[in-house]
Amino acid sequence: MAHLELVEKKDVSSFRKMAIGTWATAYDPTVYGTLSVRMEKSLKYIERFREVHGVRLTVTHLVARAVAVALRQVPDANAILRFNKIYLRQHITISVLVVQTDQGDGKVDLTAAKIEEADKKSLKEMAAEMAATIEKVRQRKDAALEKGKSTVSMIPFMFMNLFLKVLHLLMYTFNLDLSAFGMPKDAFGGVTITNVGSLGLDIAYVPLVPYTATPIFIAPGAVSDEPVVEDGKVVPGKVMRINASFDHRFIDGAHAAKLARTVKEMMENPFEQFDKLD
């Protein structure tokens, strides 16, 4: 008699398959932190931006832009490890996780839409590019991503751990371009953002994913009504928590503090920090 009554799940997404092959152990160098930001001005800025430009701006766009600027100010955090040595990225690439539900009920997949040179683009440019990229990804018209998923789907479960380790070794340790073999170039960038607020969560921490070589994962939470203190008085306010997971092997508290200060300053003073709305 079996210890448990089990039925193998057959319809496993490529993301879930890769997740199973990624984490062989719970031991990792991740540090977690949460930054609380006041959102009254950002929400007004988003509303005004939509009126002026007719572009559907969201909190995720603001966070992505703020993080890109923060990375420019803290270049040591925009890096990867190769042969146990730190290598600084020469470009700032941000990725946003996108949900794909086009395969039917119960078949949800995740993929990443990336924005290259994110620190050099205006918020309007970033919003437009992100919208086009996300739409392309959701319609499964990103040939590189789809080819990569097709490649992953052919790898047996028992070999996924080995496959992802070899993939990381070739793409990041040896720094080889494997796009000809269906592996998209730098698919996740130096920072990955996933908005857990859309799930109704205030706080959630995303685990680092070793094969991506991405050292920072950002998870903005939901904007909630909370009591806050202004001039010694308790007043109603709107607060959002930006949750982060980062690789402590080469990002320490000093880096994280400067990144957090920059993001907080931009999110709480959007009219001065983001695109001018004349």
Protein backbone atom coordinates (compact mmCIF):
# COMPACT_ATOMS: atom_id res chain seq x y z
CA MET A 1 0.00 0.00 0.00
CA ALA A 2 1.27 3.43 -0.93
CA HIS A 3 2.12 5.96 1.74
CA LEU A 4 0.05 8.62 -0.08
CA GLU A 5 -2.57 8.53 -2.79
CA LEU A 6 -1.01 10.52 -5.60
CA VAL A 7 -1.81 11.41 -9.18
CA GLU A 8 0.84 12.95 -11.40
CA LYS A 9 -0.03 16.40 -12.74
CA LYS A 10 0.37 16.26 -16.51
CA ASP A 11 -0.36 19.80 -17.69
CA VAL A 12 2.60 21.60 -16.08
CA SER A 13 3.55 25.05 -17.42
CA SER A 14 7.08 25.75 -18.61
CA PHE A 15 7.52 28.21 -15.74
CA ARG A 16 6.53 25.59 -13.16
CA LYS A 17 8.81 23.07 -14.82
CA MET A 18 11.74 25.47 -14.61
CA ALA A 19 10.91 26.32 -10.98
CA ILE A 20 11.03 22.64 -10.06
CA GLY A 21 14.40 22.30 -11.72
CA THR A 22 15.81 25.45 -10.13
CA TRP A 23 15.60 25.02 -6.36
CA ALA A 24 17.33 21.84 -5.28
CA THR A 25 17.81 23.23 -1.76
CA ALA A 26 16.43 26.03 0.40
CA TYR A 27 19.91 27.34 1.20
CA ASP A 28 20.61 30.67 -0.52
CA PRO A 29 22.12 34.14 0.08
CA THR A 30 18.86 36.09 -0.13
CA VAL A 31 18.16 39.15 2.01
CA TYR A 32 14.59 40.46 2.22
CA GLY A 33 13.38 43.98 2.92
CA THR A 34 10.27 46.15 2.68
CA LEU A 35 10.08 49.88 1.95
CA SER A 36 6.89 51.79 2.82
CA VAL A 37 6.10 54.77 0.59
CA ARG A 38 3.35 57.37 0.66
CA MET A 39 1.34 57.16 -2.55
CA GLU A 40 -1.00 60.18 -2.55
CA LYS A 41 1.19 62.19 -4.94
CA SER A 42 2.00 59.21 -7.15
CA LEU A 43 -1.68 58.40 -7.62
CA LYS A 44 -2.36 62.03 -8.57
CA TYR A 45 0.61 61.96 -10.93
CA ILE A 46 -0.67 58.81 -12.64
CA GLU A 47 -4.10 60.37 -13.10
CA ARG A 48 -2.62 63.58 -14.50
CA PHE A 49 -0.20 61.67 -16.76
CA ARG A 50 -3.09 59.74 -18.30
CA GLU A 51 -4.96 63.00 -18.94
CA VAL A 52 -1.98 64.68 -20.59
CA HIS A 53 -0.58 61.80 -22.66
CA GLY A 54 -3.50 59.41 -23.05
CA VAL A 55 -1.19 56.61 -21.92
CA ARG A 56 -2.26 54.00 -19.37
CA LEU A 57 0.39 54.60 -16.73
CA THR A 58 0.45 52.29 -13.69
CA VAL A 59 2.28 51.98 -10.39
CA THR A 60 4.47 49.29 -11.94
CA HIS A 61 5.76 51.80 -14.50
CA LEU A 62 6.69 54.26 -11.76
CA VAL A 63 8.49 51.58 -9.76
CA ALA A 64 10.34 50.30 -12.83
CA ARG A 65 11.52 53.78 -13.74
CA ALA A 66 12.54 54.57 -10.15
CA VAL A 67 14.48 51.32 -9.84
CA ALA A 68 16.28 51.98 -13.14
CA VAL A 69 17.39 55.42 -11.94
CA ALA A 70 18.43 53.94 -8.58
CA LEU A 71 20.60 51.34 -10.35
CA ARG A 72 22.31 54.11 -12.31
CA GLN A 73 23.23 55.73 -9.01
CA VAL A 74 24.39 52.43 -7.48
CA PRO A 75 26.22 50.67 -10.34
CA ASP A 76 27.70 48.08 -7.97
CA ALA A 77 24.19 46.64 -7.57
CA ASN A 78 23.84 46.22 -11.34
CA ALA A 79 26.13 43.22 -11.58
CA ILE A 80 26.50 39.46 -11.84
CA LEU A 81 28.91 36.90 -10.42
CA ARG A 82 31.22 35.00 -12.77
CA PHE A 83 33.89 32.59 -11.51
CA ASN A 84 33.19 34.04 -8.02
CA LYS A 85 34.14 37.50 -9.27
CA ILE A 86 31.82 40.51 -9.58
CA TYR A 87 31.19 41.81 -13.09
CA LEU A 88 29.32 45.10 -13.54
CA ARG A 89 26.66 45.27 -16.21
CA GLN A 90 27.23 48.08 -18.71
CA HIS A 91 23.54 48.56 -19.44
CA ILE A 92 20.46 48.75 -17.23
CA THR A 93 17.79 46.24 -18.21
CA ILE A 94 14.57 45.84 -16.25
CA SER A 95 12.12 42.97 -16.67
CA VAL A 96 8.48 42.75 -15.61
CA LEU A 97 6.85 39.37 -15.02
CA VAL A 98 3.79 38.83 -17.19
CA VAL A 99 0.98 36.32 -16.62
CA GLN A 100 -0.14 34.27 -19.61
CA THR A 101 -3.55 32.60 -19.40
CA ASP A 102 -4.26 31.88 -23.06
CA GLN A 103 -3.95 28.10 -22.78
CA GLY A 104 -7.24 27.58 -20.95
CA ASP A 105 -8.55 27.38 -17.39
CA GLY A 106 -5.99 26.35 -14.82
CA LYS A 107 -3.06 26.71 -17.24
CA VAL A 108 -1.32 29.85 -16.08
CA ASP A 109 2.24 30.59 -17.14
CA LEU A 110 4.71 33.34 -16.30
CA THR A 111 7.21 35.04 -18.54
CA ALA A 112 9.26 38.23 -18.51
CA ALA A 113 8.92 41.38 -20.61
CA LYS A 114 12.19 43.31 -20.59
CA ILE A 115 12.99 47.00 -21.07
CA GLU A 116 16.54 47.70 -22.18
CA GLU A 117 18.38 50.95 -21.34
CA ALA A 118 15.58 51.66 -18.87
CA ASP A 119 17.46 54.48 -17.15
CA LYS A 120 17.80 56.44 -20.42
CA LYS A 121 14.13 56.38 -21.35
CA SER A 122 11.42 58.78 -20.27
CA LEU A 123 8.46 57.43 -18.35
CA LYS A 124 6.30 57.91 -21.44
CA GLU A 125 8.74 55.96 -23.60
CA MET A 126 9.02 53.23 -21.01
CA ALA A 127 5.24 52.91 -20.63
CA ALA A 128 4.72 52.68 -24.39
CA GLU A 129 7.52 50.13 -24.86
CA MET A 130 6.39 48.05 -21.92
CA ALA A 131 2.80 47.98 -23.22
CA ALA A 132 3.98 46.85 -26.66
CA THR A 133 6.36 44.27 -25.18
CA ILE A 134 3.77 42.85 -22.78
CA GLU A 135 1.18 42.64 -25.55
CA LYS A 136 3.71 40.85 -27.77
CA VAL A 137 4.55 38.42 -24.97
CA ARG A 138 0.92 37.73 -24.08
CA GLN A 139 0.05 37.10 -27.73
CA ARG A 140 3.06 34.76 -27.88
CA LYS A 141 4.62 36.73 -30.71
CA ASP A 142 8.02 37.07 -29.05
CA ALA A 143 9.89 34.53 -31.16
CA ALA A 144 12.93 34.29 -28.86
CA LEU A 145 10.85 33.66 -25.74
CA GLU A 146 8.60 31.14 -27.44
CA LYS A 147 11.58 29.29 -28.87
CA GLY A 148 13.14 29.19 -25.41
CA LYS A 149 9.96 27.80 -23.86
CA SER A 150 9.77 25.20 -26.59
CA THR A 151 13.32 24.13 -25.80
CA VAL A 152 12.52 23.87 -22.08
CA SER A 153 9.40 21.80 -22.78
CA MET A 154 11.54 19.11 -24.38
CA ILE A 155 13.77 18.64 -21.32
CA PRO A 156 12.66 15.70 -19.10
CA PHE A 157 11.88 16.63 -15.49
CA MET A 158 14.69 14.50 -14.10
CA PHE A 159 17.25 16.52 -16.06
CA MET A 160 15.91 20.04 -15.31
CA ASN A 161 18.32 20.71 -12.43
CA LEU A 162 21.28 19.80 -14.59
CA PHE A 163 19.88 21.66 -17.61
CA LEU A 164 19.44 24.93 -15.69
CA LYS A 165 22.88 24.68 -14.12
CA VAL A 166 24.47 24.14 -17.53
CA LEU A 167 22.35 26.96 -18.98
CA HIS A 168 23.55 29.37 -16.29
CA LEU A 169 27.15 28.21 -16.76
CA LEU A 170 27.09 28.84 -20.49
CA MET A 171 25.05 32.06 -20.59
CA TYR A 172 26.44 33.89 -17.57
CA THR A 173 29.63 32.23 -16.31
CA PHE A 174 31.06 31.76 -19.83
CA ASN A 175 28.94 34.66 -21.15
CA LEU A 176 27.91 32.90 -24.36
CA ASP A 177 25.07 34.07 -26.60
CA LEU A 178 22.71 31.09 -26.97
CA SER A 179 19.95 32.89 -28.85
CA ALA A 180 20.59 30.67 -31.88
CA PHE A 181 19.61 27.72 -29.67
CA GLY A 182 16.35 29.27 -28.49
CA MET A 183 17.59 30.96 -25.31
CA PRO A 184 16.65 34.67 -25.29
CA LYS A 185 19.46 37.10 -24.58
CA ASP A 186 19.41 38.46 -21.01
CA ALA A 187 15.69 37.73 -20.66
CA PHE A 188 15.44 38.90 -17.03
CA GLY A 189 17.96 41.75 -16.89
CA GLY A 190 19.49 43.15 -13.72
CA VAL A 191 16.18 43.57 -11.87
CA THR A 192 12.88 41.72 -12.16
CA ILE A 193 9.61 43.35 -11.03
CA THR A 194 6.37 41.55 -10.27
CA ASN A 195 3.36 43.45 -8.94
CA VAL A 196 1.91 41.36 -6.11
CA GLY A 197 -0.52 44.19 -5.37
CA SER A 198 -2.57 42.99 -8.32
CA LEU A 199 -3.14 39.82 -6.27
CA GLY A 200 -4.37 41.87 -3.31
CA LEU A 201 -1.16 41.34 -1.34
CA ASP A 202 0.61 44.04 0.66
CA ILE A 203 3.76 42.08 1.39
CA ALA A 204 5.31 39.17 -0.52
CA TYR A 205 8.91 38.28 -1.24
CA VAL A 206 10.02 36.72 -4.50
CA PRO A 207 12.79 34.10 -4.32
CA LEU A 208 15.99 34.64 -6.27
CA VAL A 209 16.19 32.45 -9.36
CA PRO A 210 19.81 31.30 -9.79
CA TYR A 211 19.81 30.50 -13.51
CA THR A 212 18.69 34.09 -14.39
CA ALA A 213 21.70 35.70 -12.65
CA THR A 214 19.29 38.46 -11.57
CA PRO A 215 20.32 39.68 -8.10
CA ILE A 216 17.27 41.84 -7.29
CA PHE A 217 13.58 40.97 -7.37
CA ILE A 218 11.08 43.75 -6.60
CA ALA A 219 7.46 43.12 -5.62
CA PRO A 220 5.27 46.25 -5.20
CA GLY A 221 2.25 45.56 -3.01
CA ALA A 222 -1.27 46.94 -3.04
CA VAL A 223 -1.95 50.60 -2.23
CA SER A 224 -3.94 50.67 1.00
CA ASP A 225 -5.63 53.27 3.20
CA GLU A 226 -3.73 53.55 6.47
CA PRO A 227 -3.31 56.01 9.32
CA VAL A 228 -0.10 58.04 8.96
CA VAL A 229 1.54 60.75 11.03
CA GLU A 230 1.89 64.28 9.64
CA ASP A 231 3.17 67.14 11.78
CA GLY A 232 2.59 65.08 14.90
CA LYS A 233 -1.02 64.27 13.99
CA VAL A 234 -2.56 61.01 12.81
CA VAL A 235 -4.27 61.49 9.45
CA PRO A 236 -5.59 59.13 6.73
CA GLY A 237 -3.06 58.26 4.05
CA LYS A 238 -2.37 55.93 1.16
CA VAL A 239 0.61 53.63 1.60
CA MET A 240 2.30 51.03 -0.59
CA ARG A 241 5.01 48.58 0.41
CA ILE A 242 7.76 47.80 -2.04
CA ASN A 243 9.21 44.40 -1.19
CA ALA A 244 12.67 43.36 -2.30
CA SER A 245 14.80 40.24 -2.37
CA PHE A 246 18.48 40.68 -3.17
CA ASP A 247 21.66 38.65 -3.42
CA HIS A 248 23.79 39.33 -0.35
CA ARG A 249 26.89 37.89 -1.98
CA PHE A 250 27.61 41.25 -3.61
CA ILE A 251 24.77 43.59 -2.60
CA ASP A 252 24.95 44.71 1.02
CA GLY A 253 23.01 47.02 3.32
CA ALA A 254 24.75 50.15 2.06
CA HIS A 255 23.74 49.42 -1.53
CA ALA A 256 20.19 48.56 -0.49
CA ALA A 257 19.86 51.73 1.60
CA LYS A 258 20.88 54.01 -1.28
CA LEU A 259 18.61 52.17 -3.70
CA ALA A 260 15.72 52.47 -1.23
CA ARG A 261 16.30 56.21 -0.66
CA THR A 262 16.28 56.92 -4.38
CA VAL A 263 13.12 54.88 -5.02
CA LYS A 264 11.33 56.47 -2.04
CA GLU A 265 12.30 60.00 -3.11
CA MET A 266 11.02 59.43 -6.63
CA MET A 267 7.78 57.70 -5.63
CA GLU A 268 6.88 60.32 -3.03
CA ASN A 269 7.79 63.31 -5.24
CA PRO A 270 6.73 62.18 -8.72
CA PHE A 271 5.98 65.62 -10.20
CA GLU A 272 9.59 66.66 -9.57
CA GLN A 273 11.26 63.29 -10.31
CA PHE A 274 9.45 61.83 -13.34
CA ASP A 275 8.42 63.31 -16.71
CA LYS A 276 7.27 66.91 -16.53
CA LEU A 277 3.54 67.35 -17.14
CA ASP A 278 3.27 70.83 -18.66
